[in-house]
Amino acid sequence: MTEVPYGQYAEAYKAIHSALMDLMAPAPGKKITKLAFTWYADGTLETLKVYDEAQLLFTLTFTWNADGTLSEVART
């Protein structure tokens, strides 16, 4: 399989995937039913909020370098 080159948005999606793979599963009886996104004014991903129905399970916050590459993903 060939490696897919990642652009700015694709980097965010790749980081989301990696972060979610490293997270513990939601508490027993919880499941991910909704994802909500917020964006910086320049169009880069700011946050990804993960819900079980109306209950917020956690938030991923994205930090970008000045050159547009992804710097960090933090979970709160």
C-alpha atoms as a PDB file:
ATOM      1  CA  MET A   1       0.000   0.000   0.000  1.00  0.00           C
ATOM      2  CA  THR A   2       1.391   3.444  -0.878  1.00  0.00           C
ATOM      3  CA  GLU A   3       1.582   6.199   1.696  1.00  0.00           C
ATOM      4  CA  VAL A   4      -0.893   9.033   1.221  1.00  0.00           C
ATOM      5  CA  PRO A   5       0.624  12.524   1.463  1.00  0.00           C
ATOM      6  CA  TYR A   6      -1.112  14.554   4.144  1.00  0.00           C
ATOM      7  CA  GLY A   7      -2.070  18.222   3.732  1.00  0.00           C
ATOM      8  CA  GLN A   8      -3.212  20.589   6.419  1.00  0.00           C
ATOM      9  CA  TYR A   9      -6.738  19.206   6.881  1.00  0.00           C
ATOM     10  CA  ALA A  10      -5.631  15.647   6.357  1.00  0.00           C
ATOM     11  CA  GLU A  11      -3.024  16.133   9.106  1.00  0.00           C
ATOM     12  CA  ALA A  12      -5.814  17.055  11.481  1.00  0.00           C
ATOM     13  CA  TYR A  13      -7.813  13.980  10.544  1.00  0.00           C
ATOM     14  CA  LYS A  14      -4.716  11.809  10.909  1.00  0.00           C
ATOM     15  CA  ALA A  15      -4.100  13.333  14.368  1.00  0.00           C
ATOM     16  CA  ILE A  16      -7.724  12.727  15.329  1.00  0.00           C
ATOM     17  CA  HIS A  17      -7.391   9.091  14.339  1.00  0.00           C
ATOM     18  CA  SER A  18      -4.114   8.689  16.230  1.00  0.00           C
ATOM     19  CA  ALA A  19      -5.441  10.430  19.329  1.00  0.00           C
ATOM     20  CA  LEU A  20      -8.622   8.368  19.358  1.00  0.00           C
ATOM     21  CA  MET A  21      -6.646   5.149  18.938  1.00  0.00           C
ATOM     22  CA  ASP A  22      -4.606   6.047  22.042  1.00  0.00           C
ATOM     23  CA  LEU A  23      -7.604   6.933  24.194  1.00  0.00           C
ATOM     24  CA  MET A  24      -9.194   4.529  26.602  1.00  0.00           C
ATOM     25  CA  ALA A  25     -12.641   3.398  25.608  1.00  0.00           C
ATOM     26  CA  PRO A  26     -15.497   5.471  27.007  1.00  0.00           C
ATOM     27  CA  ALA A  27     -16.789   4.406  30.421  1.00  0.00           C
ATOM     28  CA  PRO A  28     -18.999   1.318  30.449  1.00  0.00           C
ATOM     29  CA  GLY A  29     -22.360   2.116  28.933  1.00  0.00           C
ATOM     30  CA  LYS A  30     -20.990   5.112  26.991  1.00  0.00           C
ATOM     31  CA  LYS A  31     -20.487   5.322  23.253  1.00  0.00           C
ATOM     32  CA  ILE A  32     -19.484   7.975  20.773  1.00  0.00           C
ATOM     33  CA  THR A  33     -22.635   9.195  19.042  1.00  0.00           C
ATOM     34  CA  LYS A  34     -21.655  12.683  17.866  1.00  0.00           C
ATOM     35  CA  LEU A  35     -18.549  14.662  16.859  1.00  0.00           C
ATOM     36  CA  ALA A  36     -18.598  18.480  16.845  1.00  0.00           C
ATOM     37  CA  PHE A  37     -15.894  20.615  15.222  1.00  0.00           C
ATOM     38  CA  THR A  38     -14.771  24.227  15.688  1.00  0.00           C
ATOM     39  CA  TRP A  39     -12.393  26.037  13.347  1.00  0.00           C
ATOM     40  CA  TYR A  40      -9.869  28.858  13.662  1.00  0.00           C
ATOM     41  CA  ALA A  41     -10.455  31.932  11.449  1.00  0.00           C
ATOM     42  CA  ASP A  42      -7.776  30.678   9.038  1.00  0.00           C
ATOM     43  CA  GLY A  43      -9.735  27.465   8.454  1.00  0.00           C
ATOM     44  CA  THR A  44      -7.626  25.097  10.551  1.00  0.00           C
ATOM     45  CA  LEU A  45      -9.231  22.731  13.016  1.00  0.00           C
ATOM     46  CA  GLU A  46      -9.425  24.148  16.553  1.00  0.00           C
ATOM     47  CA  THR A  47     -11.381  21.546  18.560  1.00  0.00           C
ATOM     48  CA  LEU A  48     -13.110  18.226  18.189  1.00  0.00           C
ATOM     49  CA  LYS A  49     -15.744  17.512  20.837  1.00  0.00           C
ATOM     50  CA  VAL A  50     -16.847  13.915  21.373  1.00  0.00           C
ATOM     51  CA  TYR A  51     -20.317  13.183  22.750  1.00  0.00           C
ATOM     52  CA  ASP A  52     -22.507  10.344  23.924  1.00  0.00           C
ATOM     53  CA  GLU A  53     -25.847  11.871  22.975  1.00  0.00           C
ATOM     54  CA  ALA A  54     -25.858  15.247  24.824  1.00  0.00           C
ATOM     55  CA  GLN A  55     -23.054  14.337  27.266  1.00  0.00           C
ATOM     56  CA  LEU A  56     -19.590  15.655  26.381  1.00  0.00           C
ATOM     57  CA  LEU A  57     -17.081  12.831  26.850  1.00  0.00           C
ATOM     58  CA  PHE A  58     -13.889  14.736  25.983  1.00  0.00           C
ATOM     59  CA  THR A  59     -12.440  17.476  23.787  1.00  0.00           C
ATOM     60  CA  LEU A  60      -9.385  17.375  21.536  1.00  0.00           C
ATOM     61  CA  THR A  61      -7.717  20.775  21.024  1.00  0.00           C
ATOM     62  CA  PHE A  62      -5.383  21.286  18.050  1.00  0.00           C
ATOM     63  CA  THR A  63      -2.367  23.607  17.986  1.00  0.00           C
ATOM     64  CA  TRP A  64      -0.724  24.561  14.688  1.00  0.00           C
ATOM     65  CA  ASN A  65       2.790  25.770  13.821  1.00  0.00           C
ATOM     66  CA  ALA A  66       3.255  29.046  11.928  1.00  0.00           C
ATOM     67  CA  ASP A  67       4.049  27.039   8.768  1.00  0.00           C
ATOM     68  CA  GLY A  68       0.638  25.334   8.915  1.00  0.00           C
ATOM     69  CA  THR A  69       1.803  21.963  10.199  1.00  0.00           C
ATOM     70  CA  LEU A  70       0.132  20.330  13.159  1.00  0.00           C
ATOM     71  CA  SER A  71       2.036  20.905  16.398  1.00  0.00           C
ATOM     72  CA  GLU A  72      -0.038  19.271  19.136  1.00  0.00           C
ATOM     73  CA  VAL A  73      -3.298  17.569  20.015  1.00  0.00           C
ATOM     74  CA  ALA A  74      -4.377  17.850  23.667  1.00  0.00           C
ATOM     75  CA  ARG A  75      -7.236  16.012  25.340  1.00  0.00           C
ATOM     76  CA  THR A  76      -9.339  17.627  28.044  1.00  0.00           C
END
